Amino acid sequence: MINILSFIHILIIGFVGLHIFIHTPLMLPVILKWSSARRYNLSPYLLLILSAVVWPINQHISFMLLVLAIVFLYLIVKPSKEPLPLSLVK
């Protein structure tokens, strides 16, 4: 059983984190004046959820999963023509 702090952390990461991760690929290209690669995929979202679930067990692994999720989020909009794993757009 998880304690109240762990539950609040998972809830906040789940709601706020996913909200930020959904809007970042839409806003980052506009802010940086890039042409978006539009290589949407599920990997950053799955890694973020996994990070939230792992946090009560091991915070270090959770942090590494969060950093990896941010890297994959960046790769969605980074201008390039190559597809990513778990791609939603062909």
PDB file of N, CA and C in Angstrom:
ATOM      1  N   MET A   1       0.842  -1.187   0.000  1.00  0.00           N
ATOM      2  CA  MET A   1       0.000   0.000   0.000  1.00  0.00           C
ATOM      3  C   MET A   1       0.883   1.245   0.000  1.00  0.00           C
ATOM      4  N   ILE A   2       0.479   2.259  -0.783  1.00  0.00           N
ATOM      5  CA  ILE A   2       1.270   3.484  -0.864  1.00  0.00           C
ATOM      6  C   ILE A   2       0.747   4.512   0.137  1.00  0.00           C
ATOM      7  N   ASN A   3       1.648   5.401   0.547  1.00  0.00           N
ATOM      8  CA  ASN A   3       1.233   6.437   1.490  1.00  0.00           C
ATOM      9  C   ASN A   3       0.602   7.611   0.745  1.00  0.00           C
ATOM     10  N   ILE A   4       0.083   8.573   1.480  1.00  0.00           N
ATOM     11  CA  ILE A   4      -0.643   9.702   0.893  1.00  0.00           C
ATOM     12  C   ILE A   4       0.273  10.568   0.028  1.00  0.00           C
ATOM     13  N   LEU A   5       1.531  10.762   0.429  1.00  0.00           N
ATOM     14  CA  LEU A   5       2.468  11.558  -0.360  1.00  0.00           C
ATOM     15  C   LEU A   5       2.714  10.913  -1.721  1.00  0.00           C
ATOM     16  N   SER A   6       2.879   9.600  -1.748  1.00  0.00           N
ATOM     17  CA  SER A   6       3.072   8.895  -3.007  1.00  0.00           C
ATOM     18  C   SER A   6       1.844   9.013  -3.895  1.00  0.00           C
ATOM     19  N   PHE A   7       0.661   8.900  -3.305  1.00  0.00           N
ATOM     20  CA  PHE A   7      -0.570   9.022  -4.076  1.00  0.00           C
ATOM     21  C   PHE A   7      -0.700  10.412  -4.689  1.00  0.00           C
ATOM     22  N   ILE A   8      -0.421  11.454  -3.906  1.00  0.00           N
ATOM     23  CA  ILE A   8      -0.487  12.833  -4.417  1.00  0.00           C
ATOM     24  C   ILE A   8       0.528  13.034  -5.530  1.00  0.00           C
ATOM     25  N   HIS A   9       1.721  12.506  -5.366  1.00  0.00           N
ATOM     26  CA  HIS A   9       2.758  12.642  -6.383  1.00  0.00           C
ATOM     27  C   HIS A   9       2.336  11.963  -7.685  1.00  0.00           C
ATOM     28  N   ILE A  10       1.813  10.762  -7.598  1.00  0.00           N
ATOM     29  CA  ILE A  10       1.361  10.042  -8.794  1.00  0.00           C
ATOM     30  C   ILE A  10       0.212  10.800  -9.460  1.00  0.00           C
ATOM     31  N   LEU A  11      -0.709  11.324  -8.686  1.00  0.00           N
ATOM     32  CA  LEU A  11      -1.837  12.062  -9.229  1.00  0.00           C
ATOM     33  C   LEU A  11      -1.384  13.334  -9.943  1.00  0.00           C
ATOM     34  N   ILE A  12      -0.481  14.076  -9.330  1.00  0.00           N
ATOM     35  CA  ILE A  12      -0.002  15.319  -9.942  1.00  0.00           C
ATOM     36  C   ILE A  12       0.814  15.027 -11.196  1.00  0.00           C
ATOM     37  N   ILE A  13       1.728  14.072 -11.141  1.00  0.00           N
ATOM     38  CA  ILE A  13       2.502  13.722 -12.335  1.00  0.00           C
ATOM     39  C   ILE A  13       1.563  13.233 -13.432  1.00  0.00           C
ATOM     40  N   GLY A  14       0.602  12.428 -13.047  1.00  0.00           N
ATOM     41  CA  GLY A  14      -0.327  11.894 -14.038  1.00  0.00           C
ATOM     42  C   GLY A  14      -1.148  12.979 -14.707  1.00  0.00           C
ATOM     43  N   PHE A  15      -1.668  13.916 -13.955  1.00  0.00           N
ATOM     44  CA  PHE A  15      -2.535  14.948 -14.534  1.00  0.00           C
ATOM     45  C   PHE A  15      -1.737  16.083 -15.159  1.00  0.00           C
ATOM     46  N   VAL A  16      -0.914  16.723 -14.365  1.00  0.00           N
ATOM     47  CA  VAL A  16      -0.170  17.884 -14.842  1.00  0.00           C
ATOM     48  C   VAL A  16       0.891  17.471 -15.863  1.00  0.00           C
ATOM     49  N   GLY A  17       1.615  16.403 -15.578  1.00  0.00           N
ATOM     50  CA  GLY A  17       2.663  15.957 -16.494  1.00  0.00           C
ATOM     51  C   GLY A  17       2.129  15.583 -17.858  1.00  0.00           C
ATOM     52  N   LEU A  18       1.068  14.804 -17.892  1.00  0.00           N
ATOM     53  CA  LEU A  18       0.489  14.424 -19.182  1.00  0.00           C
ATOM     54  C   LEU A  18      -0.082  15.631 -19.915  1.00  0.00           C
ATOM     55  N   HIS A  19      -0.652  16.574 -19.184  1.00  0.00           N
ATOM     56  CA  HIS A  19      -1.172  17.798 -19.810  1.00  0.00           C
ATOM     57  C   HIS A  19      -0.032  18.574 -20.483  1.00  0.00           C
ATOM     58  N   ILE A  20       1.080  18.711 -19.795  1.00  0.00           N
ATOM     59  CA  ILE A  20       2.246  19.404 -20.366  1.00  0.00           C
ATOM     60  C   ILE A  20       2.799  18.623 -21.546  1.00  0.00           C
ATOM     61  N   PHE A  21       2.902  17.304 -21.419  1.00  0.00           N
ATOM     62  CA  PHE A  21       3.461  16.484 -22.488  1.00  0.00           C
ATOM     63  C   PHE A  21       2.578  16.492 -23.728  1.00  0.00           C
ATOM     64  N   ILE A  22       1.269  16.614 -23.570  1.00  0.00           N
ATOM     65  CA  ILE A  22       0.376  16.662 -24.724  1.00  0.00           C
ATOM     66  C   ILE A  22       0.513  17.992 -25.464  1.00  0.00           C
ATOM     67  N   HIS A  23       0.667  19.090 -24.736  1.00  0.00           N
ATOM     68  CA  HIS A  23       0.718  20.402 -25.378  1.00  0.00           C
ATOM     69  C   HIS A  23       2.109  20.804 -25.861  1.00  0.00           C
ATOM     70  N   THR A  24       3.151  20.214 -25.317  1.00  0.00           N
ATOM     71  CA  THR A  24       4.508  20.582 -25.720  1.00  0.00           C
ATOM     72  C   THR A  24       4.772  20.366 -27.204  1.00  0.00           C
ATOM     73  N   PRO A  25       4.414  19.205 -27.802  1.00  0.00           N
ATOM     74  CA  PRO A  25       4.678  19.044 -29.242  1.00  0.00           C
ATOM     75  C   PRO A  25       3.888  20.015 -30.116  1.00  0.00           C
ATOM     76  N   LEU A  26       2.820  20.575 -29.588  1.00  0.00           N
ATOM     77  CA  LEU A  26       2.050  21.553 -30.349  1.00  0.00           C
ATOM     78  C   LEU A  26       2.641  22.953 -30.228  1.00  0.00           C
ATOM     79  N   MET A  27       3.165  23.296 -29.056  1.00  0.00           N
ATOM     80  CA  MET A  27       3.628  24.659 -28.799  1.00  0.00           C
ATOM     81  C   MET A  27       5.111  24.878 -29.079  1.00  0.00           C
ATOM     82  N   LEU A  28       5.944  23.879 -28.825  1.00  0.00           N
ATOM     83  CA  LEU A  28       7.393  24.052 -28.971  1.00  0.00           C
ATOM     84  C   LEU A  28       7.817  24.474 -30.377  1.00  0.00           C
ATOM     85  N   PRO A  29       7.302  23.865 -31.454  1.00  0.00           N
ATOM     86  CA  PRO A  29       7.697  24.322 -32.793  1.00  0.00           C
ATOM     87  C   PRO A  29       7.297  25.771 -33.074  1.00  0.00           C
ATOM     88  N   VAL A  30       6.161  26.196 -32.551  1.00  0.00           N
ATOM     89  CA  VAL A  30       5.717  27.574 -32.760  1.00  0.00           C
ATOM     90  C   VAL A  30       6.632  28.538 -32.008  1.00  0.00           C
ATOM     91  N   ILE A  31       6.954  28.196 -30.775  1.00  0.00           N
ATOM     92  CA  ILE A  31       7.803  29.067 -29.958  1.00  0.00           C
ATOM     93  C   ILE A  31       9.214  29.164 -30.537  1.00  0.00           C
ATOM     94  N   LEU A  32       9.774  28.021 -30.981  1.00  0.00           N
ATOM     95  CA  LEU A  32      11.144  27.997 -31.507  1.00  0.00           C
ATOM     96  C   LEU A  32      11.221  28.291 -33.009  1.00  0.00           C
ATOM     97  N   LYS A  33      10.070  28.501 -33.640  1.00  0.00           N
ATOM     98  CA  LYS A  33       9.977  28.778 -35.079  1.00  0.00           C
ATOM     99  C   LYS A  33      10.607  27.655 -35.897  1.00  0.00           C
ATOM    100  N   TRP A  34      10.329  26.424 -35.489  1.00  0.00           N
ATOM    101  CA  TRP A  34      10.756  25.232 -36.216  1.00  0.00           C
ATOM    102  C   TRP A  34       9.605  24.734 -37.054  1.00  0.00           C
ATOM    103  N   SER A  35       9.932  23.996 -38.105  1.00  0.00           N
ATOM    104  CA  SER A  35       8.875  23.233 -38.760  1.00  0.00           C
ATOM    105  C   SER A  35       8.802  21.910 -37.995  1.00  0.00           C
ATOM    106  N   SER A  36       7.630  21.575 -37.532  1.00  0.00           N
ATOM    107  CA  SER A  36       7.491  20.397 -36.681  1.00  0.00           C
ATOM    108  C   SER A  36       7.654  19.124 -37.490  1.00  0.00           C
ATOM    109  N   ALA A  37       8.361  18.164 -36.915  1.00  0.00           N
ATOM    110  CA  ALA A  37       8.540  16.875 -37.573  1.00  0.00           C
ATOM    111  C   ALA A  37       7.254  16.059 -37.509  1.00  0.00           C
ATOM    112  N   ARG A  38       6.403  16.339 -36.549  1.00  0.00           N
ATOM    113  CA  ARG A  38       5.120  15.647 -36.358  1.00  0.00           C
ATOM    114  C   ARG A  38       5.290  14.137 -36.321  1.00  0.00           C
ATOM    115  N   ARG A  39       6.281  13.696 -35.589  1.00  0.00           N
ATOM    116  CA  ARG A  39       6.495  12.254 -35.411  1.00  0.00           C
ATOM    117  C   ARG A  39       5.877  11.841 -34.089  1.00  0.00           C
ATOM    118  N   TYR A  40       4.576  11.979 -33.992  1.00  0.00           N
ATOM    119  CA  TYR A  40       3.874  11.662 -32.755  1.00  0.00           C
ATOM    120  C   TYR A  40       3.979  10.175 -32.448  1.00  0.00           C
ATOM    121  N   ASN A  41       4.268   9.860 -31.207  1.00  0.00           N
ATOM    122  CA  ASN A  41       4.347   8.469 -30.767  1.00  0.00           C
ATOM    123  C   ASN A  41       3.989   8.397 -29.287  1.00  0.00           C
ATOM    124  N   LEU A  42       3.806   7.200 -28.801  1.00  0.00           N
ATOM    125  CA  LEU A  42       3.348   6.998 -27.428  1.00  0.00           C
ATOM    126  C   LEU A  42       4.469   6.918 -26.396  1.00  0.00           C
ATOM    127  N   SER A  43       5.710   6.812 -26.828  1.00  0.00           N
ATOM    128  CA  SER A  43       6.796   6.548 -25.886  1.00  0.00           C
ATOM    129  C   SER A  43       6.942   7.586 -24.768  1.00  0.00           C
ATOM    130  N   PRO A  44       6.860   8.920 -25.011  1.00  0.00           N
ATOM    131  CA  PRO A  44       7.015   9.830 -23.871  1.00  0.00           C
ATOM    132  C   PRO A  44       5.904   9.680 -22.842  1.00  0.00           C
ATOM    133  N   TYR A  45       4.695   9.425 -23.298  1.00  0.00           N
ATOM    134  CA  TYR A  45       3.565   9.311 -22.390  1.00  0.00           C
ATOM    135  C   TYR A  45       3.643   8.025 -21.569  1.00  0.00           C
ATOM    136  N   LEU A  46       4.033   6.946 -22.214  1.00  0.00           N
ATOM    137  CA  LEU A  46       4.191   5.683 -21.497  1.00  0.00           C
ATOM    138  C   LEU A  46       5.320   5.771 -20.477  1.00  0.00           C
ATOM    139  N   LEU A  47       6.429   6.426 -20.854  1.00  0.00           N
ATOM    140  CA  LEU A  47       7.544   6.584 -19.918  1.00  0.00           C
ATOM    141  C   LEU A  47       7.159   7.481 -18.739  1.00  0.00           C
ATOM    142  N   LEU A  48       6.368   8.523 -18.988  1.00  0.00           N
ATOM    143  CA  LEU A  48       5.927   9.408 -17.912  1.00  0.00           C
ATOM    144  C   LEU A  48       5.018   8.669 -16.935  1.00  0.00           C
ATOM    145  N   ILE A  49       4.089   7.885 -17.460  1.00  0.00           N
ATOM    146  CA  ILE A  49       3.207   7.101 -16.589  1.00  0.00           C
ATOM    147  C   ILE A  49       4.008   6.076 -15.796  1.00  0.00           C
ATOM    148  N   LEU A  50       4.943   5.415 -16.466  1.00  0.00           N
ATOM    149  CA  LEU A  50       5.792   4.444 -15.787  1.00  0.00           C
ATOM    150  C   LEU A  50       6.628   5.119 -14.700  1.00  0.00           C
ATOM    151  N   SER A  51       7.110   6.326 -14.980  1.00  0.00           N
ATOM    152  CA  SER A  51       7.872   7.085 -13.987  1.00  0.00           C
ATOM    153  C   SER A  51       7.032   7.383 -12.755  1.00  0.00           C
ATOM    154  N   ALA A  52       5.777   7.751 -12.964  1.00  0.00           N
ATOM    155  CA  ALA A  52       4.888   8.048 -11.829  1.00  0.00           C
ATOM    156  C   ALA A  52       4.596   6.798 -11.009  1.00  0.00           C
ATOM    157  N   VAL A  53       4.441   5.666 -11.680  1.00  0.00           N
ATOM    158  CA  VAL A  53       4.129   4.418 -10.970  1.00  0.00           C
ATOM    159  C   VAL A  53       5.343   3.899 -10.203  1.00  0.00           C
ATOM    160  N   VAL A  54       6.540   4.084 -10.760  1.00  0.00           N
ATOM    161  CA  VAL A  54       7.768   3.573 -10.139  1.00  0.00           C
ATOM    162  C   VAL A  54       8.229   4.468  -8.980  1.00  0.00           C
ATOM    163  N   TRP A  55       7.791   5.730  -8.942  1.00  0.00           N
ATOM    164  CA  TRP A  55       8.287   6.679  -7.951  1.00  0.00           C
ATOM    165  C   TRP A  55       8.177   6.193  -6.506  1.00  0.00           C
ATOM    166  N   PRO A  56       7.065   5.594  -6.062  1.00  0.00           N
ATOM    167  CA  PRO A  56       7.021   5.131  -4.662  1.00  0.00           C
ATOM    168  C   PRO A  56       8.014   4.005  -4.376  1.00  0.00           C
ATOM    169  N   ILE A  57       8.425   3.284  -5.401  1.00  0.00           N
ATOM    170  CA  ILE A  57       9.331   2.151  -5.216  1.00  0.00           C
ATOM    171  C   ILE A  57      10.791   2.588  -5.258  1.00  0.00           C
ATOM    172  N   ASN A  58      11.157   3.390  -6.288  1.00  0.00           N
ATOM    173  CA  ASN A  58      12.540   3.826  -6.455  1.00  0.00           C
ATOM    174  C   ASN A  58      12.556   5.176  -7.164  1.00  0.00           C
ATOM    175  N   GLN A  59      12.895   6.236  -6.447  1.00  0.00           N
ATOM    176  CA  GLN A  59      12.870   7.581  -7.002  1.00  0.00           C
ATOM    177  C   GLN A  59      13.959   7.811  -8.052  1.00  0.00           C
ATOM    178  N   HIS A  60      15.078   7.120  -7.938  1.00  0.00           N
ATOM    179  CA  HIS A  60      16.172   7.304  -8.896  1.00  0.00           C
ATOM    180  C   HIS A  60      15.791   6.750 -10.269  1.00  0.00           C
ATOM    181  N   ILE A  61      15.215   5.586 -10.295  1.00  0.00           N
ATOM    182  CA  ILE A  61      14.764   5.004 -11.565  1.00  0.00           C
ATOM    183  C   ILE A  61      13.630   5.848 -12.130  1.00  0.00           C
ATOM    184  N   SER A  62      12.755   6.341 -11.270  1.00  0.00           N
ATOM    185  CA  SER A  62      11.663   7.196 -11.713  1.00  0.00           C
ATOM    186  C   SER A  62      12.196   8.459 -12.387  1.00  0.00           C
ATOM    187  N   PHE A  63      13.224   9.063 -11.799  1.00  0.00           N
ATOM    188  CA  PHE A  63      13.821  10.259 -12.382  1.00  0.00           C
ATOM    189  C   PHE A  63      14.449   9.956 -13.739  1.00  0.00           C
ATOM    190  N   MET A  64      15.122   8.823 -13.855  1.00  0.00           N
ATOM    191  CA  MET A  64      15.736   8.453 -15.138  1.00  0.00           C
ATOM    192  C   MET A  64      14.658   8.220 -16.202  1.00  0.00           C
ATOM    193  N   LEU A  65      13.540   7.621 -15.824  1.00  0.00           N
ATOM    194  CA  LEU A  65      12.437   7.432 -16.768  1.00  0.00           C
ATOM    195  C   LEU A  65      11.832   8.774 -17.180  1.00  0.00           C
ATOM    196  N   LEU A  66      11.753   9.706 -16.250  1.00  0.00           N
ATOM    197  CA  LEU A  66      11.248  11.038 -16.566  1.00  0.00           C
ATOM    198  C   LEU A  66      12.163  11.754 -17.553  1.00  0.00           C
ATOM    199  N   VAL A  67      13.463  11.684 -17.328  1.00  0.00           N
ATOM    200  CA  VAL A  67      14.419  12.306 -18.250  1.00  0.00           C
ATOM    201  C   VAL A  67      14.319  11.666 -19.630  1.00  0.00           C
ATOM    202  N   LEU A  68      14.204  10.355 -19.679  1.00  0.00           N
ATOM    203  CA  LEU A  68      14.052   9.657 -20.948  1.00  0.00           C
ATOM    204  C   LEU A  68      12.753  10.064 -21.643  1.00  0.00           C
ATOM    205  N   ALA A  69      11.684  10.263 -20.889  1.00  0.00           N
ATOM    206  CA  ALA A  69      10.414  10.721 -21.462  1.00  0.00           C
ATOM    207  C   ALA A  69      10.566  12.110 -22.077  1.00  0.00           C
ATOM    208  N   ILE A  70      11.313  12.990 -21.406  1.00  0.00           N
ATOM    209  CA  ILE A  70      11.537  14.340 -21.934  1.00  0.00           C
ATOM    210  C   ILE A  70      12.355  14.281 -23.216  1.00  0.00           C
ATOM    211  N   VAL A  71      13.349  13.401 -23.283  1.00  0.00           N
ATOM    212  CA  VAL A  71      14.148  13.239 -24.499  1.00  0.00           C
ATOM    213  C   VAL A  71      13.263  12.770 -25.650  1.00  0.00           C
ATOM    214  N   PHE A  72      12.420  11.778 -25.417  1.00  0.00           N
ATOM    215  CA  PHE A  72      11.525  11.295 -26.466  1.00  0.00           C
ATOM    216  C   PHE A  72      10.506  12.358 -26.858  1.00  0.00           C
ATOM    217  N   LEU A  73      10.072  13.183 -25.913  1.00  0.00           N
ATOM    218  CA  LEU A  73       9.165  14.283 -26.223  1.00  0.00           C
ATOM    219  C   LEU A  73       9.848  15.286 -27.141  1.00  0.00           C
ATOM    220  N   TYR A  74      11.105  15.577 -26.867  1.00  0.00           N
ATOM    221  CA  TYR A  74      11.877  16.488 -27.721  1.00  0.00           C
ATOM    222  C   TYR A  74      12.027  15.910 -29.132  1.00  0.00           C
ATOM    223  N   LEU A  75      12.234  14.604 -29.226  1.00  0.00           N
ATOM    224  CA  LEU A  75      12.416  13.978 -30.531  1.00  0.00           C
ATOM    225  C   LEU A  75      11.149  13.998 -31.380  1.00  0.00           C
ATOM    226  N   ILE A  76       9.986  14.174 -30.755  1.00  0.00           N
ATOM    227  CA  ILE A  76       8.748  14.277 -31.526  1.00  0.00           C
ATOM    228  C   ILE A  76       8.776  15.504 -32.418  1.00  0.00           C
ATOM    229  N   VAL A  77       9.268  16.609 -31.910  1.00  0.00           N
ATOM    230  CA  VAL A  77       9.216  17.870 -32.659  1.00  0.00           C
ATOM    231  C   VAL A  77      10.533  18.256 -33.320  1.00  0.00           C
ATOM    232  N   LYS A  78      11.610  17.581 -32.967  1.00  0.00           N
ATOM    233  CA  LYS A  78      12.906  17.911 -33.573  1.00  0.00           C
ATOM    234  C   LYS A  78      12.828  17.659 -35.073  1.00  0.00           C
ATOM    235  N   PRO A  79      13.167  18.647 -35.882  1.00  0.00           N
ATOM    236  CA  PRO A  79      13.071  18.468 -37.333  1.00  0.00           C
ATOM    237  C   PRO A  79      13.927  17.302 -37.831  1.00  0.00           C
ATOM    238  N   SER A  80      13.268  16.316 -38.406  1.00  0.00           N
ATOM    239  CA  SER A  80      13.925  15.144 -38.968  1.00  0.00           C
ATOM    240  C   SER A  80      12.886  14.357 -39.747  1.00  0.00           C
ATOM    241  N   LYS A  81      13.332  13.520 -40.653  1.00  0.00           N
ATOM    242  CA  LYS A  81      12.405  12.754 -41.481  1.00  0.00           C
ATOM    243  C   LYS A  81      12.277  11.294 -41.047  1.00  0.00           C
ATOM    244  N   GLU A  82      13.087  10.844 -40.107  1.00  0.00           N
ATOM    245  CA  GLU A  82      13.072   9.441 -39.704  1.00  0.00           C
ATOM    246  C   GLU A  82      12.008   9.181 -38.651  1.00  0.00           C
ATOM    247  N   PRO A  83      11.268   8.077 -38.779  1.00  0.00           N
ATOM    248  CA  PRO A  83      10.240   7.770 -37.781  1.00  0.00           C
ATOM    249  C   PRO A  83      10.849   7.274 -36.476  1.00  0.00           C
ATOM    250  N   LEU A  84      10.090   7.419 -35.419  1.00  0.00           N
ATOM    251  CA  LEU A  84      10.500   6.933 -34.106  1.00  0.00           C
ATOM    252  C   LEU A  84       9.770   5.630 -33.794  1.00  0.00           C
ATOM    253  N   PRO A  85      10.265   4.866 -32.836  1.00  0.00           N
ATOM    254  CA  PRO A  85       9.520   3.678 -32.407  1.00  0.00           C
ATOM    255  C   PRO A  85       8.149   4.060 -31.856  1.00  0.00           C
ATOM    256  N   LEU A  86       7.179   3.197 -32.012  1.00  0.00           N
ATOM    257  CA  LEU A  86       5.796   3.416 -31.573  1.00  0.00           C
ATOM    258  C   LEU A  86       5.160   4.621 -32.241  1.00  0.00           C
ATOM    259  N   SER A  87       5.549   4.900 -33.471  1.00  0.00           N
ATOM    260  CA  SER A  87       5.046   6.056 -34.184  1.00  0.00           C
ATOM    261  C   SER A  87       3.561   5.938 -34.478  1.00  0.00           C
ATOM    262  N   LEU A  88       2.838   7.041 -34.336  1.00  0.00           N
ATOM    263  CA  LEU A  88       1.411   7.072 -34.613  1.00  0.00           C
ATOM    264  C   LEU A  88       1.118   7.643 -35.992  1.00  0.00           C
ATOM    265  N   VAL A  89       2.119   8.263 -36.636  1.00  0.00           N
ATOM    266  CA  VAL A  89       1.954   8.883 -37.948  1.00  0.00           C
ATOM    267  C   VAL A  89       2.937   8.222 -38.902  1.00  0.00           C
ATOM    268  N   LYS A  90       2.452   7.859 -40.079  1.00  0.00           N
ATOM    269  CA  LYS A  90       3.351   7.234 -41.073  1.00  0.00           C
ATOM    270  C   LYS A  90       3.952   8.264 -41.991  1.00  0.00           C
TER     271      LYS A  90
END
